[in-house]
């Protein structure tokens, strides 16, 4: 990026993907990269896609 970016609130990511396997996971990280190259993790999330519609129901293969 050529200029600073301020992020406020809860970050959200929207993905469209396909998988050829019946079970998969998605992991997403939001990092702050400092001018000196140092990286600090701001937040992260992991989703088991068999529970993409919630864990109250029976897990669904992809």
Foldseek 3Di string as FASTA:
>chain_A
DPDDDDDDDDDDDDDDDDDPWQWDKDKDWDWDQDPVRDIDTPDMDMDTQLQVVHDPDHRGTD
